[in-house]
């Protein structure tokens, strides 16, 4: 498994990295992670996920908790795994200037499972409407996961959820948990549901339906690959950052995982053209990217580490494109 650190590569070649931070008065000091980014008329917006727990991970598997190397540390009065989303307005130096909690009160109901809220939401704008597209698992007692589209009203004075639509999986819609569908930024209501083989689906919000519109051929790759960032236009096709997970048991026999990433390139018809070499952002085991966009002469990538930190990486366009082109 590759330990090539893409952040170091970017910094060595003119890039920059900044943490995405908001006031601890909003979060009680618990986790910030998995940001997603959108540039709208030159304005840089980030959706930042807040979790009301702290994740402990034994990175080297040497100081494992009795419950395993991955442990959620909760407040005494709340043992749920609750997500709250914040929209952040960034300046041209990629520093947070203003933050608004997404007001979901219009559509909230009592959660029925311990994973609460819209998780790992990608920020997207389609047909002049802002959306968060993420997974929700709190509407039944067994944690059935489905993607949801949360339509937002974003103003300088606040952010409100004005519509919420739960998306079925393509027929027969019998799977337990659907997550990490990634939106195609210039094709309204289209998502890449699976990466390899690529499955492209289209959602109808009015009819509340979802259909597979393209299923590609599987390319040789040792591990499963899935979303990731939004899918953005790239050359004559599309580009995304996708992740692969190595699941294994710790020495004590407990569940553990290592995440790694690849840039994936598609042609205009969503046939896979190539994968980049595997990389890590900061050489942590638990990393996850929910965002990528082109901004001026750079690419901006957003990612989280261990559910406890969120970053934005600015990469000169040539540096990122050369890294992709260097792959076999």
C-alpha atoms as a PDB file:
ATOM      1  CA  UNK A   1       0.000   0.000   0.000  1.00  0.00           C
ATOM      2  CA  UNK A   2       1.433   3.332  -1.102  1.00  0.00           C
ATOM      3  CA  UNK A   3       2.568   5.937   1.431  1.00  0.00           C
ATOM      4  CA  UNK A   4       3.136   8.618  -1.232  1.00  0.00           C
ATOM      5  CA  UNK A   5       2.121  11.858   0.486  1.00  0.00           C
ATOM      6  CA  UNK A   6       0.273  14.035  -1.999  1.00  0.00           C
ATOM      7  CA  UNK A   7       0.169  17.018   0.380  1.00  0.00           C
ATOM      8  CA  UNK A   8       3.970  17.055   0.624  1.00  0.00           C
ATOM      9  CA  UNK A   9       4.206  16.735  -3.156  1.00  0.00           C
ATOM     10  CA  UNK A  10       1.883  19.715  -3.572  1.00  0.00           C
ATOM     11  CA  UNK A  11       3.723  21.848  -1.000  1.00  0.00           C
ATOM     12  CA  UNK A  12       7.087  21.042  -2.565  1.00  0.00           C
ATOM     13  CA  UNK A  13       5.718  22.333  -5.869  1.00  0.00           C
ATOM     14  CA  UNK A  14       4.055  25.609  -4.930  1.00  0.00           C
ATOM     15  CA  UNK A  15       0.885  24.456  -3.194  1.00  0.00           C
ATOM     16  CA  UNK A  16      -0.514  25.436   0.200  1.00  0.00           C
ATOM     17  CA  UNK A  17      -2.572  23.756   2.897  1.00  0.00           C
ATOM     18  CA  UNK A  18      -4.799  25.306   5.552  1.00  0.00           C
ATOM     19  CA  UNK A  19      -6.936  23.877   8.333  1.00  0.00           C
ATOM     20  CA  UNK A  20     -10.645  24.673   8.191  1.00  0.00           C
ATOM     21  CA  UNK A  21     -11.531  25.935  11.650  1.00  0.00           C
ATOM     22  CA  UNK A  22     -14.675  27.332  13.221  1.00  0.00           C
ATOM     23  CA  UNK A  23     -15.335  28.562  16.748  1.00  0.00           C
ATOM     24  CA  UNK A  24     -15.232  25.813  19.412  1.00  0.00           C
ATOM     25  CA  UNK A  25     -18.222  27.584  20.954  1.00  0.00           C
ATOM     26  CA  UNK A  26     -20.229  26.062  18.091  1.00  0.00           C
ATOM     27  CA  UNK A  27     -18.870  22.545  18.450  1.00  0.00           C
ATOM     28  CA  UNK A  28     -18.010  22.032  22.117  1.00  0.00           C
ATOM     29  CA  UNK A  29     -14.561  21.047  20.893  1.00  0.00           C
ATOM     30  CA  UNK A  30     -15.493  17.777  19.185  1.00  0.00           C
ATOM     31  CA  UNK A  31     -14.709  16.633  15.663  1.00  0.00           C
ATOM     32  CA  UNK A  32     -14.583  18.627  12.428  1.00  0.00           C
ATOM     33  CA  UNK A  33     -14.089  16.586   9.278  1.00  0.00           C
ATOM     34  CA  UNK A  34     -14.883  15.696   5.673  1.00  0.00           C
ATOM     35  CA  UNK A  35     -15.408  19.144   4.153  1.00  0.00           C
ATOM     36  CA  UNK A  36     -16.844  19.646   0.676  1.00  0.00           C
ATOM     37  CA  UNK A  37     -16.087  22.669  -1.501  1.00  0.00           C
ATOM     38  CA  UNK A  38     -17.919  24.721  -4.122  1.00  0.00           C
ATOM     39  CA  UNK A  39     -16.903  27.837  -6.034  1.00  0.00           C
ATOM     40  CA  UNK A  40     -19.968  29.928  -6.934  1.00  0.00           C
ATOM     41  CA  UNK A  41     -19.386  33.089  -8.986  1.00  0.00           C
ATOM     42  CA  UNK A  42     -15.916  33.399  -7.499  1.00  0.00           C
ATOM     43  CA  UNK A  43     -17.168  32.846  -3.960  1.00  0.00           C
ATOM     44  CA  UNK A  44     -15.581  29.891  -2.132  1.00  0.00           C
ATOM     45  CA  UNK A  45     -18.055  27.914  -0.017  1.00  0.00           C
ATOM     46  CA  UNK A  46     -17.307  24.892   2.159  1.00  0.00           C
ATOM     47  CA  UNK A  47     -19.656  22.519   3.893  1.00  0.00           C
ATOM     48  CA  UNK A  48     -17.991  21.376   7.107  1.00  0.00           C
ATOM     49  CA  UNK A  49     -19.149  18.292   8.979  1.00  0.00           C
ATOM     50  CA  UNK A  50     -19.208  18.503  12.763  1.00  0.00           C
ATOM     51  CA  UNK A  51     -19.483  15.306  14.826  1.00  0.00           C
ATOM     52  CA  UNK A  52     -20.444  15.415  18.502  1.00  0.00           C
ATOM     53  CA  UNK A  53     -17.920  12.678  19.266  1.00  0.00           C
ATOM     54  CA  UNK A  54     -14.137  12.379  19.111  1.00  0.00           C
ATOM     55  CA  UNK A  55     -12.713   9.420  17.219  1.00  0.00           C
ATOM     56  CA  UNK A  56      -9.758   7.658  18.795  1.00  0.00           C
ATOM     57  CA  UNK A  57      -7.674   5.657  16.337  1.00  0.00           C
ATOM     58  CA  UNK A  58      -4.528   3.734  17.192  1.00  0.00           C
ATOM     59  CA  UNK A  59      -2.550   4.642  14.080  1.00  0.00           C
ATOM     60  CA  UNK A  60       0.249   2.131  14.678  1.00  0.00           C
ATOM     61  CA  UNK A  61      -1.940  -0.493  16.382  1.00  0.00           C
ATOM     62  CA  UNK A  62       0.287  -0.265  19.452  1.00  0.00           C
ATOM     63  CA  UNK A  63      -2.060   1.426  21.937  1.00  0.00           C
ATOM     64  CA  UNK A  64      -5.326  -0.269  21.185  1.00  0.00           C
ATOM     65  CA  UNK A  65      -8.363   0.409  23.364  1.00  0.00           C
ATOM     66  CA  UNK A  66     -10.009  -2.689  24.889  1.00  0.00           C
ATOM     67  CA  UNK A  67     -12.878  -2.111  22.435  1.00  0.00           C
ATOM     68  CA  UNK A  68     -10.517  -1.970  19.454  1.00  0.00           C
ATOM     69  CA  UNK A  69      -8.259   0.434  17.536  1.00  0.00           C
ATOM     70  CA  UNK A  70     -11.263   2.529  16.413  1.00  0.00           C
ATOM     71  CA  UNK A  71     -13.309   3.960  19.299  1.00  0.00           C
ATOM     72  CA  UNK A  72     -15.914   6.741  19.462  1.00  0.00           C
ATOM     73  CA  UNK A  73     -15.588   8.952  22.548  1.00  0.00           C
ATOM     74  CA  UNK A  74     -18.954  10.511  23.359  1.00  0.00           C
ATOM     75  CA  UNK A  75     -20.212  13.083  25.847  1.00  0.00           C
ATOM     76  CA  UNK A  76     -21.716  11.383  28.890  1.00  0.00           C
ATOM     77  CA  UNK A  77     -25.208  12.648  28.112  1.00  0.00           C
ATOM     78  CA  UNK A  78     -25.236  11.753  24.393  1.00  0.00           C
ATOM     79  CA  UNK A  79     -24.015   8.416  23.047  1.00  0.00           C
ATOM     80  CA  UNK A  80     -25.341   8.961  19.531  1.00  0.00           C
ATOM     81  CA  UNK A  81     -23.093   9.646  16.534  1.00  0.00           C
ATOM     82  CA  UNK A  82     -24.647  12.952  15.504  1.00  0.00           C
ATOM     83  CA  UNK A  83     -23.645  15.082  12.520  1.00  0.00           C
ATOM     84  CA  UNK A  84     -24.282  18.814  12.143  1.00  0.00           C
ATOM     85  CA  UNK A  85     -23.332  20.694   8.981  1.00  0.00           C
ATOM     86  CA  UNK A  86     -21.926  24.217   8.728  1.00  0.00           C
ATOM     87  CA  UNK A  87     -21.589  26.335   5.591  1.00  0.00           C
ATOM     88  CA  UNK A  88     -18.376  28.375   5.670  1.00  0.00           C
ATOM     89  CA  UNK A  89     -17.616  31.413   3.506  1.00  0.00           C
ATOM     90  CA  UNK A  90     -13.894  31.592   2.656  1.00  0.00           C
ATOM     91  CA  UNK A  91     -11.845  34.512   1.367  1.00  0.00           C
ATOM     92  CA  UNK A  92      -9.362  34.364  -1.521  1.00  0.00           C
ATOM     93  CA  UNK A  93      -6.663  33.221   0.930  1.00  0.00           C
ATOM     94  CA  UNK A  94      -8.904  30.251   1.809  1.00  0.00           C
ATOM     95  CA  UNK A  95      -9.514  31.429   5.356  1.00  0.00           C
ATOM     96  CA  UNK A  96     -12.939  31.127   6.976  1.00  0.00           C
ATOM     97  CA  UNK A  97     -14.625  34.535   7.191  1.00  0.00           C
ATOM     98  CA  UNK A  98     -18.174  33.568   8.152  1.00  0.00           C
ATOM     99  CA  UNK A  99     -19.891  30.402   9.347  1.00  0.00           C
ATOM    100  CA  UNK A 100     -23.558  29.416   9.451  1.00  0.00           C
ATOM    101  CA  UNK A 101     -25.019  26.246  10.905  1.00  0.00           C
ATOM    102  CA  UNK A 102     -27.418  24.661   8.432  1.00  0.00           C
ATOM    103  CA  UNK A 103     -30.870  25.172   9.971  1.00  0.00           C
ATOM    104  CA  UNK A 104     -32.675  21.850   9.405  1.00  0.00           C
ATOM    105  CA  UNK A 105     -35.519  22.468  11.858  1.00  0.00           C
ATOM    106  CA  UNK A 106     -38.226  22.627   9.168  1.00  0.00           C
ATOM    107  CA  UNK A 107     -37.706  18.953   8.254  1.00  0.00           C
ATOM    108  CA  UNK A 108     -36.261  17.360  11.378  1.00  0.00           C
ATOM    109  CA  UNK A 109     -38.114  14.524  13.109  1.00  0.00           C
ATOM    110  CA  UNK A 110     -37.156  12.418  16.101  1.00  0.00           C
ATOM    111  CA  UNK A 111     -34.242  10.145  15.087  1.00  0.00           C
ATOM    112  CA  UNK A 112     -34.828   6.404  15.414  1.00  0.00           C
ATOM    113  CA  UNK A 113     -31.221   5.204  15.202  1.00  0.00           C
ATOM    114  CA  UNK A 114     -27.939   6.301  16.748  1.00  0.00           C
ATOM    115  CA  UNK A 115     -26.321   7.688  13.559  1.00  0.00           C
ATOM    116  CA  UNK A 116     -28.095  11.043  13.391  1.00  0.00           C
ATOM    117  CA  UNK A 117     -28.017  13.675  10.662  1.00  0.00           C
ATOM    118  CA  UNK A 118     -26.778  14.029   7.092  1.00  0.00           C
ATOM    119  CA  UNK A 119     -23.313  12.488   6.868  1.00  0.00           C
ATOM    120  CA  UNK A 120     -20.446  13.239   4.468  1.00  0.00           C
ATOM    121  CA  UNK A 121     -22.519  15.687   2.437  1.00  0.00           C
ATOM    122  CA  UNK A 122     -21.185  16.961  -0.884  1.00  0.00           C
ATOM    123  CA  UNK A 123     -21.985  20.581  -1.685  1.00  0.00           C
ATOM    124  CA  UNK A 124     -23.372  21.106  -5.185  1.00  0.00           C
ATOM    125  CA  UNK A 125     -25.217  23.713  -7.230  1.00  0.00           C
ATOM    126  CA  UNK A 126     -27.560  22.499  -9.962  1.00  0.00           C
ATOM    127  CA  UNK A 127     -29.984  24.674 -11.935  1.00  0.00           C
ATOM    128  CA  UNK A 128     -29.340  27.631  -9.603  1.00  0.00           C
ATOM    129  CA  UNK A 129     -30.204  25.589  -6.520  1.00  0.00           C
ATOM    130  CA  UNK A 130     -27.774  24.680  -3.731  1.00  0.00           C
ATOM    131  CA  UNK A 131     -27.840  21.138  -2.359  1.00  0.00           C
ATOM    132  CA  UNK A 132     -26.118  18.983   0.191  1.00  0.00           C
ATOM    133  CA  UNK A 133     -26.092  15.359  -0.980  1.00  0.00           C
ATOM    134  CA  UNK A 134     -25.224  12.889   1.759  1.00  0.00           C
ATOM    135  CA  UNK A 135     -26.383   9.750   3.542  1.00  0.00           C
ATOM    136  CA  UNK A 136     -28.992   9.671   6.325  1.00  0.00           C
ATOM    137  CA  UNK A 137     -29.470   6.603   8.534  1.00  0.00           C
ATOM    138  CA  UNK A 138     -31.759   7.787  11.353  1.00  0.00           C
ATOM    139  CA  UNK A 139     -35.251   7.275   9.958  1.00  0.00           C
ATOM    140  CA  UNK A 140     -35.727   3.646  11.071  1.00  0.00           C
ATOM    141  CA  UNK A 141     -34.539   1.444  13.933  1.00  0.00           C
ATOM    142  CA  UNK A 142     -31.979  -0.572  11.942  1.00  0.00           C
ATOM    143  CA  UNK A 143     -29.994   2.251  10.311  1.00  0.00           C
ATOM    144  CA  UNK A 144     -31.048   1.809   6.695  1.00  0.00           C
ATOM    145  CA  UNK A 145     -28.946   4.255   4.702  1.00  0.00           C
ATOM    146  CA  UNK A 146     -30.131   6.230   1.692  1.00  0.00           C
ATOM    147  CA  UNK A 147     -28.759   9.295  -0.021  1.00  0.00           C
ATOM    148  CA  UNK A 148     -30.721  12.479   0.609  1.00  0.00           C
ATOM    149  CA  UNK A 149     -30.819  15.772  -1.245  1.00  0.00           C
ATOM    150  CA  UNK A 150     -31.035  18.717   1.119  1.00  0.00           C
ATOM    151  CA  UNK A 151     -31.904  21.909  -0.779  1.00  0.00           C
ATOM    152  CA  UNK A 152     -30.419  25.000   0.841  1.00  0.00           C
ATOM    153  CA  UNK A 153     -31.188  28.678   0.914  1.00  0.00           C
ATOM    154  CA  UNK A 154     -27.772  30.340   1.390  1.00  0.00           C
ATOM    155  CA  UNK A 155     -27.665  34.012   2.345  1.00  0.00           C
ATOM    156  CA  UNK A 156     -25.047  36.158   4.123  1.00  0.00           C
ATOM    157  CA  UNK A 157     -27.238  36.088   7.227  1.00  0.00           C
ATOM    158  CA  UNK A 158     -27.965  32.365   7.414  1.00  0.00           C
ATOM    159  CA  UNK A 159     -28.409  28.950   5.754  1.00  0.00           C
ATOM    160  CA  UNK A 160     -31.720  27.078   5.832  1.00  0.00           C
ATOM    161  CA  UNK A 161     -32.744  23.673   4.547  1.00  0.00           C
ATOM    162  CA  UNK A 162     -35.879  24.373   2.497  1.00  0.00           C
ATOM    163  CA  UNK A 163     -36.503  20.919   0.982  1.00  0.00           C
ATOM    164  CA  UNK A 164     -35.401  17.378   1.772  1.00  0.00           C
ATOM    165  CA  UNK A 165     -35.722  14.406  -0.588  1.00  0.00           C
ATOM    166  CA  UNK A 166     -34.745  10.820   0.194  1.00  0.00           C
ATOM    167  CA  UNK A 167     -33.392   8.990  -2.862  1.00  0.00           C
ATOM    168  CA  UNK A 168     -34.181   5.317  -3.464  1.00  0.00           C
ATOM    169  CA  UNK A 169     -31.530   3.051  -4.895  1.00  0.00           C
ATOM    170  CA  UNK A 170     -32.167   1.879  -8.454  1.00  0.00           C
ATOM    171  CA  UNK A 171     -34.732  -0.916  -8.580  1.00  0.00           C
ATOM    172  CA  UNK A 172     -35.294  -3.172  -6.736  1.00  0.00           C
ATOM    173  CA  UNK A 173     -34.099  -0.765  -3.963  1.00  0.00           C
ATOM    174  CA  UNK A 174     -33.373  -3.574  -1.503  1.00  0.00           C
ATOM    175  CA  UNK A 175     -29.857  -2.709  -0.310  1.00  0.00           C
ATOM    176  CA  UNK A 176     -29.211  -1.933   3.347  1.00  0.00           C
ATOM    177  CA  UNK A 177     -26.976   1.123   3.060  1.00  0.00           C
ATOM    178  CA  UNK A 178     -26.335   3.442   0.130  1.00  0.00           C
ATOM    179  CA  UNK A 179     -23.650   6.077   0.669  1.00  0.00           C
ATOM    180  CA  UNK A 180     -20.870   8.002  -1.051  1.00  0.00           C
ATOM    181  CA  UNK A 181     -22.714   8.672  -4.277  1.00  0.00           C
ATOM    182  CA  UNK A 182     -20.830  11.610  -5.770  1.00  0.00           C
ATOM    183  CA  UNK A 183     -22.500  14.357  -7.838  1.00  0.00           C
ATOM    184  CA  UNK A 184     -21.377  15.274 -11.349  1.00  0.00           C
ATOM    185  CA  UNK A 185     -21.100  19.043 -11.196  1.00  0.00           C
ATOM    186  CA  UNK A 186     -22.177  19.869 -14.760  1.00  0.00           C
ATOM    187  CA  UNK A 187     -24.868  17.174 -15.147  1.00  0.00           C
ATOM    188  CA  UNK A 188     -27.814  18.056 -12.885  1.00  0.00           C
ATOM    189  CA  UNK A 189     -29.092  15.216 -10.714  1.00  0.00           C
ATOM    190  CA  UNK A 190     -26.495  12.707 -11.934  1.00  0.00           C
ATOM    191  CA  UNK A 191     -24.311  10.768  -9.498  1.00  0.00           C
ATOM    192  CA  UNK A 192     -21.562   8.219  -9.829  1.00  0.00           C
ATOM    193  CA  UNK A 193     -22.866   5.509  -7.525  1.00  0.00           C
ATOM    194  CA  UNK A 194     -19.971   3.073  -7.987  1.00  0.00           C
ATOM    195  CA  UNK A 195     -16.574   3.818  -9.472  1.00  0.00           C
ATOM    196  CA  UNK A 196     -15.295   0.527 -10.905  1.00  0.00           C
ATOM    197  CA  UNK A 197     -17.261  -0.559 -12.820  1.00  0.00           C
ATOM    198  CA  UNK A 198     -18.701   2.927 -13.128  1.00  0.00           C
ATOM    199  CA  UNK A 199     -22.427   3.154 -12.446  1.00  0.00           C
ATOM    200  CA  UNK A 200     -23.972   6.518 -13.329  1.00  0.00           C
ATOM    201  CA  UNK A 201     -27.458   7.175 -11.965  1.00  0.00           C
ATOM    202  CA  UNK A 202     -29.962   9.970 -12.494  1.00  0.00           C
ATOM    203  CA  UNK A 203     -32.352  11.163  -9.807  1.00  0.00           C
ATOM    204  CA  UNK A 204     -35.816  12.656 -10.357  1.00  0.00           C
ATOM    205  CA  UNK A 205     -36.645  14.751  -7.286  1.00  0.00           C
ATOM    206  CA  UNK A 206     -40.267  15.265  -8.278  1.00  0.00           C
ATOM    207  CA  UNK A 207     -41.022  11.573  -8.784  1.00  0.00           C
ATOM    208  CA  UNK A 208     -38.523  10.470  -6.123  1.00  0.00           C
ATOM    209  CA  UNK A 209     -36.997   7.904  -8.456  1.00  0.00           C
ATOM    210  CA  UNK A 210     -33.466   6.881  -9.382  1.00  0.00           C
ATOM    211  CA  UNK A 211     -32.384   5.013 -12.505  1.00  0.00           C
ATOM    212  CA  UNK A 212     -29.067   3.657 -13.735  1.00  0.00           C
ATOM    213  CA  UNK A 213     -28.264   5.426 -17.003  1.00  0.00           C
ATOM    214  CA  UNK A 214     -24.802   3.947 -17.623  1.00  0.00           C
ATOM    215  CA  UNK A 215     -22.880   0.885 -16.447  1.00  0.00           C
ATOM    216  CA  UNK A 216     -19.277   0.643 -17.608  1.00  0.00           C
ATOM    217  CA  UNK A 217     -16.724  -2.134 -17.758  1.00  0.00           C
ATOM    218  CA  UNK A 218     -14.657  -3.100 -14.734  1.00  0.00           C
ATOM    219  CA  UNK A 219     -11.002  -2.145 -15.007  1.00  0.00           C
ATOM    220  CA  UNK A 220      -8.228  -4.238 -13.430  1.00  0.00           C
ATOM    221  CA  UNK A 221      -7.665  -2.887  -9.920  1.00  0.00           C
ATOM    222  CA  UNK A 222      -6.791  -4.799  -6.783  1.00  0.00           C
ATOM    223  CA  UNK A 223      -9.132  -2.955  -4.415  1.00  0.00           C
ATOM    224  CA  UNK A 224     -12.652  -1.561  -4.589  1.00  0.00           C
ATOM    225  CA  UNK A 225     -12.795   2.142  -5.427  1.00  0.00           C
ATOM    226  CA  UNK A 226     -15.627   4.515  -4.507  1.00  0.00           C
ATOM    227  CA  UNK A 227     -16.450   8.212  -3.977  1.00  0.00           C
ATOM    228  CA  UNK A 228     -14.874  10.659  -2.991  1.00  0.00           C
ATOM    229  CA  UNK A 229     -15.092  14.177  -4.233  1.00  0.00           C
ATOM    230  CA  UNK A 230     -17.570  15.726  -6.600  1.00  0.00           C
ATOM    231  CA  UNK A 231     -16.956  14.761 -10.236  1.00  0.00           C
ATOM    232  CA  UNK A 232     -15.689  17.816 -12.146  1.00  0.00           C
ATOM    233  CA  UNK A 233     -15.062  18.531 -15.843  1.00  0.00           C
ATOM    234  CA  UNK A 234     -11.495  17.651 -16.853  1.00  0.00           C
ATOM    235  CA  UNK A 235     -10.062  17.981 -20.336  1.00  0.00           C
ATOM    236  CA  UNK A 236     -12.599  16.204 -22.582  1.00  0.00           C
ATOM    237  CA  UNK A 237     -14.126  14.220 -19.738  1.00  0.00           C
ATOM    238  CA  UNK A 238     -14.306  14.121 -15.951  1.00  0.00           C
ATOM    239  CA  UNK A 239     -12.132  13.842 -12.847  1.00  0.00           C
ATOM    240  CA  UNK A 240     -12.689  12.810  -9.238  1.00  0.00           C
ATOM    241  CA  UNK A 241     -10.747  11.817  -6.116  1.00  0.00           C
ATOM    242  CA  UNK A 242     -11.899   8.355  -5.095  1.00  0.00           C
ATOM    243  CA  UNK A 243     -10.919   6.230  -2.106  1.00  0.00           C
ATOM    244  CA  UNK A 244     -10.098   2.594  -1.533  1.00  0.00           C
ATOM    245  CA  UNK A 245     -10.201   0.891   1.850  1.00  0.00           C
ATOM    246  CA  UNK A 246      -8.007  -1.875   3.172  1.00  0.00           C
ATOM    247  CA  UNK A 247     -10.052  -3.601   5.875  1.00  0.00           C
ATOM    248  CA  UNK A 248      -8.180  -5.858   8.271  1.00  0.00           C
ATOM    249  CA  UNK A 249      -8.031  -7.117  11.848  1.00  0.00           C
ATOM    250  CA  UNK A 250      -5.736  -5.646  14.472  1.00  0.00           C
ATOM    251  CA  UNK A 251      -3.452  -7.891  16.532  1.00  0.00           C
ATOM    252  CA  UNK A 252      -6.246  -8.133  19.079  1.00  0.00           C
ATOM    253  CA  UNK A 253      -8.658  -9.275  16.365  1.00  0.00           C
ATOM    254  CA  UNK A 254     -10.596  -6.003  16.139  1.00  0.00           C
ATOM    255  CA  UNK A 255     -11.825  -4.227  13.000  1.00  0.00           C
ATOM    256  CA  UNK A 256      -9.408  -1.719  11.496  1.00  0.00           C
ATOM    257  CA  UNK A 257      -8.941   0.084   8.175  1.00  0.00           C
ATOM    258  CA  UNK A 258      -6.521   2.113   6.070  1.00  0.00           C
ATOM    259  CA  UNK A 259      -7.802   4.586   3.459  1.00  0.00           C
ATOM    260  CA  UNK A 260      -5.885   5.469   0.310  1.00  0.00           C
ATOM    261  CA  UNK A 261      -6.861   7.529  -2.734  1.00  0.00           C
ATOM    262  CA  UNK A 262      -6.597   7.746  -6.512  1.00  0.00           C
ATOM    263  CA  UNK A 263      -7.532  10.384  -9.034  1.00  0.00           C
ATOM    264  CA  UNK A 264      -9.880   8.787 -11.532  1.00  0.00           C
ATOM    265  CA  UNK A 265     -10.365  10.087 -15.073  1.00  0.00           C
ATOM    266  CA  UNK A 266     -13.383   9.349 -17.259  1.00  0.00           C
ATOM    267  CA  UNK A 267     -14.143  10.278 -20.861  1.00  0.00           C
ATOM    268  CA  UNK A 268     -17.241  12.316 -21.707  1.00  0.00           C
ATOM    269  CA  UNK A 269     -19.339   9.123 -21.783  1.00  0.00           C
ATOM    270  CA  UNK A 270     -18.089   8.012 -18.332  1.00  0.00           C
ATOM    271  CA  UNK A 271     -15.836   5.230 -19.544  1.00  0.00           C
ATOM    272  CA  UNK A 272     -12.818   5.032 -17.238  1.00  0.00           C
ATOM    273  CA  UNK A 273      -9.707   6.383 -18.972  1.00  0.00           C
ATOM    274  CA  UNK A 274      -7.156   5.907 -16.193  1.00  0.00           C
ATOM    275  CA  UNK A 275      -6.407   5.827 -12.487  1.00  0.00           C
ATOM    276  CA  UNK A 276      -3.573   7.767 -10.922  1.00  0.00           C
ATOM    277  CA  UNK A 277      -1.052   6.126  -8.666  1.00  0.00           C
ATOM    278  CA  UNK A 278      -2.337   5.448  -5.163  1.00  0.00           C
ATOM    279  CA  UNK A 279      -1.624   8.162  -2.600  1.00  0.00           C
ATOM    280  CA  UNK A 280      -2.222   9.327   0.942  1.00  0.00           C
ATOM    281  CA  UNK A 281      -2.799  12.948   1.879  1.00  0.00           C
ATOM    282  CA  UNK A 282      -0.850  13.109   5.167  1.00  0.00           C
ATOM    283  CA  UNK A 283       0.072   9.446   5.694  1.00  0.00           C
ATOM    284  CA  UNK A 284      -2.696   8.871   8.221  1.00  0.00           C
ATOM    285  CA  UNK A 285      -4.692   5.667   8.132  1.00  0.00           C
ATOM    286  CA  UNK A 286      -8.091   7.387   8.333  1.00  0.00           C
ATOM    287  CA  UNK A 287      -8.456  10.086   5.645  1.00  0.00           C
ATOM    288  CA  UNK A 288     -11.458  10.975   3.530  1.00  0.00           C
ATOM    289  CA  UNK A 289     -12.012  13.471   0.718  1.00  0.00           C
ATOM    290  CA  UNK A 290     -15.436  14.954  -0.050  1.00  0.00           C
ATOM    291  CA  UNK A 291     -14.445  17.854  -2.277  1.00  0.00           C
ATOM    292  CA  UNK A 292     -12.567  19.075  -5.319  1.00  0.00           C
ATOM    293  CA  UNK A 293     -12.977  22.070  -7.619  1.00  0.00           C
ATOM    294  CA  UNK A 294     -10.983  24.179 -10.064  1.00  0.00           C
ATOM    295  CA  UNK A 295     -10.214  27.670  -8.737  1.00  0.00           C
ATOM    296  CA  UNK A 296      -8.291  30.160 -10.863  1.00  0.00           C
ATOM    297  CA  UNK A 297      -5.056  28.372 -11.841  1.00  0.00           C
ATOM    298  CA  UNK A 298      -5.293  25.754  -9.101  1.00  0.00           C
ATOM    299  CA  UNK A 299      -7.277  22.787  -7.910  1.00  0.00           C
ATOM    300  CA  UNK A 300      -8.699  22.870  -4.404  1.00  0.00           C
ATOM    301  CA  UNK A 301      -9.043  19.550  -2.573  1.00  0.00           C
ATOM    302  CA  UNK A 302     -10.799  19.223   0.782  1.00  0.00           C
ATOM    303  CA  UNK A 303     -10.303  16.272   3.109  1.00  0.00           C
ATOM    304  CA  UNK A 304     -10.731  15.126   6.683  1.00  0.00           C
ATOM    305  CA  UNK A 305      -8.408  13.194   8.998  1.00  0.00           C
ATOM    306  CA  UNK A 306      -9.626  10.774  11.694  1.00  0.00           C
ATOM    307  CA  UNK A 307     -12.981  12.601  11.966  1.00  0.00           C
ATOM    308  CA  UNK A 308     -11.015  15.206  13.944  1.00  0.00           C
ATOM    309  CA  UNK A 309      -9.521  17.636  11.435  1.00  0.00           C
ATOM    310  CA  UNK A 310     -10.474  19.280   8.149  1.00  0.00           C
ATOM    311  CA  UNK A 311      -8.130  20.738   5.541  1.00  0.00           C
ATOM    312  CA  UNK A 312      -8.138  22.520   2.212  1.00  0.00           C
ATOM    313  CA  UNK A 313      -5.229  21.838  -0.135  1.00  0.00           C
ATOM    314  CA  UNK A 314      -4.437  24.200  -3.009  1.00  0.00           C
ATOM    315  CA  UNK A 315      -2.541  22.436  -5.796  1.00  0.00           C
ATOM    316  CA  UNK A 316      -1.217  24.178  -8.916  1.00  0.00           C
ATOM    317  CA  UNK A 317      -3.092  22.755 -11.883  1.00  0.00           C
ATOM    318  CA  UNK A 318       0.041  21.542 -13.664  1.00  0.00           C
ATOM    319  CA  UNK A 319       1.257  19.706 -10.556  1.00  0.00           C
ATOM    320  CA  UNK A 320      -1.981  17.739 -10.210  1.00  0.00           C
ATOM    321  CA  UNK A 321      -2.291  17.068 -13.929  1.00  0.00           C
ATOM    322  CA  UNK A 322       1.337  15.910 -14.196  1.00  0.00           C
ATOM    323  CA  UNK A 323       0.729  13.503 -11.313  1.00  0.00           C
ATOM    324  CA  UNK A 324      -2.220  12.016 -13.186  1.00  0.00           C
ATOM    325  CA  UNK A 325      -0.316  11.861 -16.478  1.00  0.00           C
ATOM    326  CA  UNK A 326       2.584  10.093 -14.769  1.00  0.00           C
ATOM    327  CA  UNK A 327       0.404   7.048 -14.087  1.00  0.00           C
ATOM    328  CA  UNK A 328       0.696   4.060 -16.405  1.00  0.00           C
END
